[in-house]
Amino acid sequence: RLERLQRIVSKLQMESGLCEEQLNQADTLLQSDVRLLNAGKPPQKAAEIERDLDKADAMIRLLFNDVQTLKDGRHPQGEQMYRRVYRLHERLVAIRTEYNLRLKSGAPAAAVSVPLGQRPRQELDEATLRYLQDLLAWVEENQRRLGAAEWGVDLPTVESHLGSHRGLHHSIEECAGRRMPGTGEMCGEEGADTARPCARPQNSSKSRLRHLESLHGFVSAATKELMWLNEKEEEEVNFDWSDRNPNMAAKKENYS
């Protein structure tokens, strides 16, 4: 068991390095497009940046799955690996936010850095509207994914869905903790009404996480019981039931 967990640590170290490279590439392309935008030229790499961010997002969800396996197994490096993956997740959120605010909104970098109260009203309204449109599209997509998500039919698939959802849940909680430009209100928070952009997927995500953890506990226990039954069945099938077996009397006593 320890050997299996150590293999997961090695896998995490390698794949988190690959994920960091993916984020570096996305950030380099983003900064290149921001410079073009500041020079009054159209961005060239938006599709590539989006692909890189989506790839990194998928990688981080799988990494969170492996981290949870380490923590469940009480591996001494579990917390260290969690912090490493969470830092990658924070960087992904930061790059995606900059991409949405600077590139997708079309606002030059200088405009983004100006305090809200000092921006021209029209520019603020347009940037805020674009930000909210992107945010709502993100919310809608994640709500759709939550609604269509499967639960799993055995322990490996349930564990896979649980690990994947933990990564998605981190992203949704991160979104819920942001303040919306222009209003200063949180996108979603504990007990928030569904009018907040992130409130609905946040509630759905919490519910799915709770049910997946409950399902995982049930399936884990059931799997252990089935393994025990299979062992007993194999033992009974391989037992010599002839009268020549000296252990036959003790076996009969077990069934009496």
C-alpha atoms as a PDB file:
ATOM      1  CA  ARG A   1       0.000   0.000   0.000  1.00  0.00           C
ATOM      2  CA  LEU A   2       2.805   2.405   0.887  1.00  0.00           C
ATOM      3  CA  GLU A   3       4.519   1.579  -2.392  1.00  0.00           C
ATOM      4  CA  ARG A   4       1.307   2.394  -4.312  1.00  0.00           C
ATOM      5  CA  LEU A   5       1.000   5.754  -2.529  1.00  0.00           C
ATOM      6  CA  GLN A   6       4.643   6.545  -3.256  1.00  0.00           C
ATOM      7  CA  ARG A   7       3.987   5.904  -6.953  1.00  0.00           C
ATOM      8  CA  ILE A   8       1.145   8.429  -6.744  1.00  0.00           C
ATOM      9  CA  VAL A   9       3.534  10.988  -5.178  1.00  0.00           C
ATOM     10  CA  SER A  10       5.974  10.491  -8.090  1.00  0.00           C
ATOM     11  CA  LYS A  11       3.106  10.814 -10.571  1.00  0.00           C
ATOM     12  CA  LEU A  12       1.926  14.019  -8.866  1.00  0.00           C
ATOM     13  CA  GLN A  13       5.408  15.524  -8.957  1.00  0.00           C
ATOM     14  CA  MET A  14       5.791  14.796 -12.672  1.00  0.00           C
ATOM     15  CA  GLU A  15       2.274  15.838 -13.753  1.00  0.00           C
ATOM     16  CA  SER A  16       2.220  18.999 -11.620  1.00  0.00           C
ATOM     17  CA  GLY A  17       5.430  20.005 -13.434  1.00  0.00           C
ATOM     18  CA  LEU A  18       3.697  19.421 -16.795  1.00  0.00           C
ATOM     19  CA  CYS A  19       0.698  21.434 -15.604  1.00  0.00           C
ATOM     20  CA  GLU A  20       2.980  24.301 -14.571  1.00  0.00           C
ATOM     21  CA  GLU A  21       4.516  24.283 -18.066  1.00  0.00           C
ATOM     22  CA  GLN A  22       0.994  24.417 -19.548  1.00  0.00           C
ATOM     23  CA  LEU A  23       0.175  27.446 -17.381  1.00  0.00           C
ATOM     24  CA  ASN A  24       3.486  29.116 -18.269  1.00  0.00           C
ATOM     25  CA  GLN A  25       2.675  28.693 -21.949  1.00  0.00           C
ATOM     26  CA  ALA A  26      -0.841  30.133 -21.495  1.00  0.00           C
ATOM     27  CA  ASP A  27       0.555  33.099 -19.533  1.00  0.00           C
ATOM     28  CA  THR A  28       3.239  33.802 -22.159  1.00  0.00           C
ATOM     29  CA  LEU A  29       0.644  33.809 -24.946  1.00  0.00           C
ATOM     30  CA  LEU A  30      -1.675  35.978 -22.862  1.00  0.00           C
ATOM     31  CA  GLN A  31       0.992  38.616 -22.176  1.00  0.00           C
ATOM     32  CA  SER A  32       1.893  38.643 -25.878  1.00  0.00           C
ATOM     33  CA  ASP A  33      -1.753  39.306 -26.816  1.00  0.00           C
ATOM     34  CA  VAL A  34      -2.110  41.975 -24.113  1.00  0.00           C
ATOM     35  CA  ARG A  35       0.867  43.814 -25.647  1.00  0.00           C
ATOM     36  CA  LEU A  36      -0.824  43.639 -29.059  1.00  0.00           C
ATOM     37  CA  LEU A  37      -4.049  44.960 -27.542  1.00  0.00           C
ATOM     38  CA  ASN A  38      -2.218  47.852 -25.879  1.00  0.00           C
ATOM     39  CA  ALA A  39      -0.702  48.710 -29.266  1.00  0.00           C
ATOM     40  CA  GLY A  40      -4.188  48.869 -30.775  1.00  0.00           C
ATOM     41  CA  LYS A  41      -3.840  45.530 -32.609  1.00  0.00           C
ATOM     42  CA  PRO A  42      -6.208  42.546 -32.377  1.00  0.00           C
ATOM     43  CA  PRO A  43      -5.110  39.589 -30.210  1.00  0.00           C
ATOM     44  CA  GLN A  44      -3.814  36.565 -32.123  1.00  0.00           C
ATOM     45  CA  LYS A  45      -3.663  33.693 -29.620  1.00  0.00           C
ATOM     46  CA  ALA A  46      -7.049  33.720 -27.828  1.00  0.00           C
ATOM     47  CA  ALA A  47      -8.061  30.238 -29.031  1.00  0.00           C
ATOM     48  CA  GLU A  48      -4.684  28.749 -28.015  1.00  0.00           C
ATOM     49  CA  ILE A  49      -4.860  30.403 -24.578  1.00  0.00           C
ATOM     50  CA  GLU A  50      -8.361  29.027 -24.051  1.00  0.00           C
ATOM     51  CA  ARG A  51      -7.189  25.520 -25.022  1.00  0.00           C
ATOM     52  CA  ASP A  52      -4.156  25.703 -22.732  1.00  0.00           C
ATOM     53  CA  LEU A  53      -6.293  26.868 -19.805  1.00  0.00           C
ATOM     54  CA  ASP A  54      -8.848  24.100 -20.410  1.00  0.00           C
ATOM     55  CA  LYS A  55      -6.051  21.501 -20.530  1.00  0.00           C
ATOM     56  CA  ALA A  56      -4.567  22.822 -17.292  1.00  0.00           C
ATOM     57  CA  ASP A  57      -8.023  22.820 -15.696  1.00  0.00           C
ATOM     58  CA  ALA A  58      -8.541  19.132 -16.607  1.00  0.00           C
ATOM     59  CA  MET A  59      -5.043  18.232 -15.342  1.00  0.00           C
ATOM     60  CA  ILE A  60      -5.615  19.989 -12.016  1.00  0.00           C
ATOM     61  CA  ARG A  61      -8.859  18.103 -11.413  1.00  0.00           C
ATOM     62  CA  LEU A  62      -7.039  14.791 -11.867  1.00  0.00           C
ATOM     63  CA  LEU A  63      -4.231  16.022  -9.613  1.00  0.00           C
ATOM     64  CA  PHE A  64      -6.750  16.842  -6.877  1.00  0.00           C
ATOM     65  CA  ASN A  65      -8.055  13.278  -7.235  1.00  0.00           C
ATOM     66  CA  ASP A  66      -4.554  11.855  -6.618  1.00  0.00           C
ATOM     67  CA  VAL A  67      -3.979  14.263  -3.722  1.00  0.00           C
ATOM     68  CA  GLN A  68      -7.161  13.046  -2.052  1.00  0.00           C
ATOM     69  CA  THR A  69      -5.951   9.438  -2.405  1.00  0.00           C
ATOM     70  CA  LEU A  70      -2.758  10.429  -0.554  1.00  0.00           C
ATOM     71  CA  LYS A  71      -4.715  12.208   2.182  1.00  0.00           C
ATOM     72  CA  ASP A  72      -7.127   9.289   2.578  1.00  0.00           C
ATOM     73  CA  GLY A  73      -4.106   6.980   2.888  1.00  0.00           C
ATOM     74  CA  ARG A  74      -2.546   9.351   5.470  1.00  0.00           C
ATOM     75  CA  HIS A  75       0.631   9.644   3.417  1.00  0.00           C
ATOM     76  CA  PRO A  76       3.110  12.088   5.055  1.00  0.00           C
ATOM     77  CA  GLN A  77       3.430  14.085   1.817  1.00  0.00           C
ATOM     78  CA  GLY A  78      -0.324  14.399   1.322  1.00  0.00           C
ATOM     79  CA  GLU A  79      -0.592  17.943   2.683  1.00  0.00           C
ATOM     80  CA  GLN A  80       2.525  19.106   0.849  1.00  0.00           C
ATOM     81  CA  MET A  81       1.161  17.763  -2.460  1.00  0.00           C
ATOM     82  CA  TYR A  82      -2.208  19.389  -1.746  1.00  0.00           C
ATOM     83  CA  ARG A  83      -0.562  22.806  -1.289  1.00  0.00           C
ATOM     84  CA  ARG A  84       1.405  22.321  -4.499  1.00  0.00           C
ATOM     85  CA  VAL A  85      -1.709  21.479  -6.548  1.00  0.00           C
ATOM     86  CA  TYR A  86      -3.733  24.238  -4.910  1.00  0.00           C
ATOM     87  CA  ARG A  87      -1.085  26.791  -5.884  1.00  0.00           C
ATOM     88  CA  LEU A  88      -1.428  25.586  -9.484  1.00  0.00           C
ATOM     89  CA  HIS A  89      -5.187  25.998  -9.172  1.00  0.00           C
ATOM     90  CA  GLU A  90      -4.805  29.536  -7.815  1.00  0.00           C
ATOM     91  CA  ARG A  91      -2.519  30.417 -10.719  1.00  0.00           C
ATOM     92  CA  LEU A  92      -4.993  28.962 -13.218  1.00  0.00           C
ATOM     93  CA  VAL A  93      -7.774  31.113 -11.731  1.00  0.00           C
ATOM     94  CA  ALA A  94      -5.533  34.215 -11.831  1.00  0.00           C
ATOM     95  CA  ILE A  95      -4.576  33.685 -15.505  1.00  0.00           C
ATOM     96  CA  ARG A  96      -8.163  32.926 -16.515  1.00  0.00           C
ATOM     97  CA  THR A  97      -9.393  36.050 -14.689  1.00  0.00           C
ATOM     98  CA  GLU A  98      -6.772  38.199 -16.427  1.00  0.00           C
ATOM     99  CA  TYR A  99      -7.711  36.589 -19.742  1.00  0.00           C
ATOM    100  CA  ASN A 100     -11.402  37.396 -19.197  1.00  0.00           C
ATOM    101  CA  LEU A 101     -10.825  40.948 -17.996  1.00  0.00           C
ATOM    102  CA  ARG A 102      -8.038  42.010 -20.353  1.00  0.00           C
ATOM    103  CA  LEU A 103      -8.405  39.956 -23.503  1.00  0.00           C
ATOM    104  CA  LYS A 104     -12.049  38.931 -23.803  1.00  0.00           C
ATOM    105  CA  SER A 105     -13.322  42.312 -22.621  1.00  0.00           C
ATOM    106  CA  GLY A 106     -10.936  44.079 -24.997  1.00  0.00           C
ATOM    107  CA  ALA A 107      -9.864  46.474 -22.224  1.00  0.00           C
ATOM    108  CA  PRO A 108      -6.167  47.477 -22.388  1.00  0.00           C
ATOM    109  CA  ALA A 109      -3.957  46.627 -19.413  1.00  0.00           C
ATOM    110  CA  ALA A 110      -3.733  50.249 -18.294  1.00  0.00           C
ATOM    111  CA  ALA A 111      -7.504  50.430 -18.038  1.00  0.00           C
ATOM    112  CA  VAL A 112      -7.646  47.296 -15.936  1.00  0.00           C
ATOM    113  CA  SER A 113      -5.202  48.682 -13.384  1.00  0.00           C
ATOM    114  CA  VAL A 114      -7.088  51.971 -12.880  1.00  0.00           C
ATOM    115  CA  PRO A 115      -9.262  52.050  -9.725  1.00  0.00           C
ATOM    116  CA  LEU A 116     -12.971  51.658 -10.458  1.00  0.00           C
ATOM    117  CA  GLY A 117     -13.880  55.117  -9.207  1.00  0.00           C
ATOM    118  CA  GLN A 118     -11.412  56.807 -11.593  1.00  0.00           C
ATOM    119  CA  ARG A 119     -12.521  55.092 -14.829  1.00  0.00           C
ATOM    120  CA  PRO A 120     -14.802  56.740 -17.382  1.00  0.00           C
ATOM    121  CA  ARG A 121     -18.359  55.555 -16.757  1.00  0.00           C
ATOM    122  CA  GLN A 122     -18.859  54.102 -20.259  1.00  0.00           C
ATOM    123  CA  GLU A 123     -15.604  52.120 -20.109  1.00  0.00           C
ATOM    124  CA  LEU A 124     -16.491  50.805 -16.644  1.00  0.00           C
ATOM    125  CA  ASP A 125     -19.972  49.796 -17.769  1.00  0.00           C
ATOM    126  CA  GLU A 126     -18.650  47.986 -20.863  1.00  0.00           C
ATOM    127  CA  ALA A 127     -15.888  46.167 -18.968  1.00  0.00           C
ATOM    128  CA  THR A 128     -18.294  45.249 -16.163  1.00  0.00           C
ATOM    129  CA  LEU A 129     -20.907  44.025 -18.630  1.00  0.00           C
ATOM    130  CA  ARG A 130     -18.377  41.906 -20.497  1.00  0.00           C
ATOM    131  CA  TYR A 131     -17.020  40.492 -17.250  1.00  0.00           C
ATOM    132  CA  LEU A 132     -20.519  39.582 -16.067  1.00  0.00           C
ATOM    133  CA  GLN A 133     -21.359  38.031 -19.444  1.00  0.00           C
ATOM    134  CA  ASP A 134     -18.245  35.840 -19.256  1.00  0.00           C
ATOM    135  CA  LEU A 135     -18.975  35.002 -15.638  1.00  0.00           C
ATOM    136  CA  LEU A 136     -22.574  34.009 -16.415  1.00  0.00           C
ATOM    137  CA  ALA A 137     -21.424  31.883 -19.378  1.00  0.00           C
ATOM    138  CA  TRP A 138     -18.935  30.141 -17.063  1.00  0.00           C
ATOM    139  CA  VAL A 139     -21.646  29.638 -14.431  1.00  0.00           C
ATOM    140  CA  GLU A 140     -24.089  28.261 -17.006  1.00  0.00           C
ATOM    141  CA  GLU A 141     -21.506  25.833 -18.397  1.00  0.00           C
ATOM    142  CA  ASN A 142     -20.612  24.509 -14.946  1.00  0.00           C
ATOM    143  CA  GLN A 143     -24.263  24.214 -13.962  1.00  0.00           C
ATOM    144  CA  ARG A 144     -24.836  22.164 -17.130  1.00  0.00           C
ATOM    145  CA  ARG A 145     -21.854  19.945 -16.312  1.00  0.00           C
ATOM    146  CA  LEU A 146     -23.142  19.402 -12.783  1.00  0.00           C
ATOM    147  CA  GLY A 147     -26.579  18.462 -14.098  1.00  0.00           C
ATOM    148  CA  ALA A 148     -25.188  15.970 -16.615  1.00  0.00           C
ATOM    149  CA  ALA A 149     -22.485  14.472 -14.374  1.00  0.00           C
ATOM    150  CA  GLU A 150     -22.517  10.741 -13.698  1.00  0.00           C
ATOM    151  CA  TRP A 151     -22.127   9.029 -10.324  1.00  0.00           C
ATOM    152  CA  GLY A 152     -20.186   5.862 -11.127  1.00  0.00           C
ATOM    153  CA  VAL A 153     -21.043   2.164 -11.065  1.00  0.00           C
ATOM    154  CA  ASP A 154     -18.180   0.784  -8.979  1.00  0.00           C
ATOM    155  CA  LEU A 155     -15.479   1.983  -6.560  1.00  0.00           C
ATOM    156  CA  PRO A 156     -12.904   3.110  -9.187  1.00  0.00           C
ATOM    157  CA  THR A 157     -15.460   5.160 -11.163  1.00  0.00           C
ATOM    158  CA  VAL A 158     -17.000   6.668  -8.012  1.00  0.00           C
ATOM    159  CA  GLU A 159     -13.504   7.633  -6.807  1.00  0.00           C
ATOM    160  CA  SER A 160     -12.746   9.140 -10.231  1.00  0.00           C
ATOM    161  CA  HIS A 161     -15.960  11.215 -10.224  1.00  0.00           C
ATOM    162  CA  LEU A 162     -15.337  12.298  -6.620  1.00  0.00           C
ATOM    163  CA  GLY A 163     -11.773  13.425  -7.338  1.00  0.00           C
ATOM    164  CA  SER A 164     -12.810  15.222 -10.512  1.00  0.00           C
ATOM    165  CA  HIS A 165     -15.654  16.985  -8.737  1.00  0.00           C
ATOM    166  CA  ARG A 166     -13.408  18.118  -5.899  1.00  0.00           C
ATOM    167  CA  GLY A 167     -11.352  19.988  -8.490  1.00  0.00           C
ATOM    168  CA  LEU A 168     -14.475  21.550 -10.014  1.00  0.00           C
ATOM    169  CA  HIS A 169     -15.760  22.438  -6.553  1.00  0.00           C
ATOM    170  CA  HIS A 170     -12.520  24.317  -5.798  1.00  0.00           C
ATOM    171  CA  SER A 171     -13.059  26.377  -8.978  1.00  0.00           C
ATOM    172  CA  ILE A 172     -16.675  27.154  -8.085  1.00  0.00           C
ATOM    173  CA  GLU A 173     -15.770  28.143  -4.514  1.00  0.00           C
ATOM    174  CA  GLU A 174     -13.018  30.373  -5.896  1.00  0.00           C
ATOM    175  CA  CYS A 175     -15.563  32.037  -8.197  1.00  0.00           C
ATOM    176  CA  ALA A 176     -18.018  32.452  -5.329  1.00  0.00           C
ATOM    177  CA  GLY A 177     -15.366  34.255  -3.279  1.00  0.00           C
ATOM    178  CA  ARG A 178     -14.768  36.967  -5.883  1.00  0.00           C
ATOM    179  CA  ARG A 179     -16.390  40.381  -5.835  1.00  0.00           C
ATOM    180  CA  MET A 180     -18.270  41.524  -8.923  1.00  0.00           C
ATOM    181  CA  PRO A 181     -16.867  44.691 -10.503  1.00  0.00           C
ATOM    182  CA  GLY A 182     -19.099  47.707 -10.240  1.00  0.00           C
ATOM    183  CA  THR A 183     -21.221  46.353  -7.372  1.00  0.00           C
ATOM    184  CA  GLY A 184     -18.618  44.970  -4.961  1.00  0.00           C
ATOM    185  CA  GLU A 185     -20.995  42.110  -4.099  1.00  0.00           C
ATOM    186  CA  MET A 186     -19.743  38.560  -3.705  1.00  0.00           C
ATOM    187  CA  CYS A 187     -20.509  36.287  -6.678  1.00  0.00           C
ATOM    188  CA  GLY A 188     -21.789  33.729  -4.191  1.00  0.00           C
ATOM    189  CA  GLU A 189     -21.494  33.011  -0.487  1.00  0.00           C
ATOM    190  CA  GLU A 190     -22.849  30.779   2.283  1.00  0.00           C
ATOM    191  CA  GLY A 191     -26.632  31.011   2.317  1.00  0.00           C
ATOM    192  CA  ALA A 192     -26.732  33.441  -0.632  1.00  0.00           C
ATOM    193  CA  ASP A 193     -29.919  33.622  -2.637  1.00  0.00           C
ATOM    194  CA  THR A 194     -29.895  32.237  -6.177  1.00  0.00           C
ATOM    195  CA  ALA A 195     -29.807  35.759  -7.669  1.00  0.00           C
ATOM    196  CA  ARG A 196     -26.029  35.791  -7.098  1.00  0.00           C
ATOM    197  CA  PRO A 197     -24.244  34.489 -10.239  1.00  0.00           C
ATOM    198  CA  CYS A 198     -22.353  31.666  -8.503  1.00  0.00           C
ATOM    199  CA  ALA A 199     -25.009  30.807  -5.905  1.00  0.00           C
ATOM    200  CA  ARG A 200     -26.833  28.167  -7.954  1.00  0.00           C
ATOM    201  CA  PRO A 201     -23.775  26.151  -9.104  1.00  0.00           C
ATOM    202  CA  GLN A 202     -22.240  26.606  -5.651  1.00  0.00           C
ATOM    203  CA  ASN A 203     -25.291  25.034  -3.994  1.00  0.00           C
ATOM    204  CA  SER A 204     -25.466  22.286  -6.648  1.00  0.00           C
ATOM    205  CA  SER A 205     -21.738  21.590  -6.269  1.00  0.00           C
ATOM    206  CA  LYS A 206     -21.944  21.332  -2.475  1.00  0.00           C
ATOM    207  CA  SER A 207     -24.893  18.965  -2.787  1.00  0.00           C
ATOM    208  CA  ARG A 208     -23.128  16.767  -5.365  1.00  0.00           C
ATOM    209  CA  LEU A 209     -19.920  16.693  -3.291  1.00  0.00           C
ATOM    210  CA  ARG A 210     -21.882  15.659  -0.192  1.00  0.00           C
ATOM    211  CA  HIS A 211     -23.731  12.902  -2.077  1.00  0.00           C
ATOM    212  CA  LEU A 212     -20.567  11.664  -3.811  1.00  0.00           C
ATOM    213  CA  GLU A 213     -18.762  11.400  -0.457  1.00  0.00           C
ATOM    214  CA  SER A 214     -21.726   9.495   0.973  1.00  0.00           C
ATOM    215  CA  LEU A 215     -21.834   7.210  -2.089  1.00  0.00           C
ATOM    216  CA  HIS A 216     -18.084   6.663  -1.859  1.00  0.00           C
ATOM    217  CA  GLY A 217     -18.404   5.583   1.788  1.00  0.00           C
ATOM    218  CA  PHE A 218     -21.206   3.152   0.945  1.00  0.00           C
ATOM    219  CA  VAL A 219     -19.489   1.689  -2.140  1.00  0.00           C
ATOM    220  CA  SER A 220     -16.172   1.354  -0.239  1.00  0.00           C
ATOM    221  CA  ALA A 221     -17.866  -0.636   2.521  1.00  0.00           C
ATOM    222  CA  ALA A 222     -19.824  -2.750   0.012  1.00  0.00           C
ATOM    223  CA  THR A 223     -16.654  -3.454  -1.984  1.00  0.00           C
ATOM    224  CA  LYS A 224     -14.861  -4.676   1.152  1.00  0.00           C
ATOM    225  CA  GLU A 225     -17.799  -6.978   1.937  1.00  0.00           C
ATOM    226  CA  LEU A 226     -17.782  -8.370  -1.617  1.00  0.00           C
ATOM    227  CA  MET A 227     -14.031  -8.974  -1.458  1.00  0.00           C
ATOM    228  CA  TRP A 228     -14.516 -10.861   1.823  1.00  0.00           C
ATOM    229  CA  LEU A 229     -17.309 -12.960   0.271  1.00  0.00           C
ATOM    230  CA  ASN A 230     -15.146 -13.727  -2.777  1.00  0.00           C
ATOM    231  CA  GLU A 231     -12.299 -14.858  -0.529  1.00  0.00           C
ATOM    232  CA  LYS A 232     -14.653 -17.101   1.431  1.00  0.00           C
ATOM    233  CA  GLU A 233     -16.162 -18.497  -1.760  1.00  0.00           C
ATOM    234  CA  GLU A 234     -12.715 -19.324  -3.132  1.00  0.00           C
ATOM    235  CA  GLU A 235     -11.803 -20.954   0.173  1.00  0.00           C
ATOM    236  CA  GLU A 236     -14.955 -23.108   0.110  1.00  0.00           C
ATOM    237  CA  VAL A 237     -14.559 -24.068  -3.553  1.00  0.00           C
ATOM    238  CA  ASN A 238     -10.940 -25.170  -3.016  1.00  0.00           C
ATOM    239  CA  PHE A 239     -11.699 -27.083   0.194  1.00  0.00           C
ATOM    240  CA  ASP A 240     -11.424 -30.878   0.079  1.00  0.00           C
ATOM    241  CA  TRP A 241     -14.930 -32.002   1.030  1.00  0.00           C
ATOM    242  CA  SER A 242     -14.144 -35.756   0.961  1.00  0.00           C
ATOM    243  CA  ASP A 243     -14.331 -37.899   4.103  1.00  0.00           C
ATOM    244  CA  ARG A 244     -10.597 -38.539   3.766  1.00  0.00           C
ATOM    245  CA  ASN A 245      -9.899 -34.921   4.776  1.00  0.00           C
ATOM    246  CA  PRO A 246      -8.899 -34.894   8.507  1.00  0.00           C
ATOM    247  CA  ASN A 247     -10.254 -31.328   8.815  1.00  0.00           C
ATOM    248  CA  MET A 248     -13.726 -32.379   7.721  1.00  0.00           C
ATOM    249  CA  ALA A 249     -15.085 -32.751  11.271  1.00  0.00           C
ATOM    250  CA  ALA A 250     -14.017 -29.217  12.220  1.00  0.00           C
ATOM    251  CA  LYS A 251     -15.526 -27.907   8.989  1.00  0.00           C
ATOM    252  CA  LYS A 252     -18.866 -29.537   9.771  1.00  0.00           C
ATOM    253  CA  GLU A 253     -18.809 -28.005  13.239  1.00  0.00           C
ATOM    254  CA  ASN A 254     -18.443 -24.552  11.663  1.00  0.00           C
ATOM    255  CA  TYR A 255     -21.684 -25.144   9.768  1.00  0.00           C
ATOM    256  CA  SER A 256     -23.616 -26.646  12.674  1.00  0.00           C
END
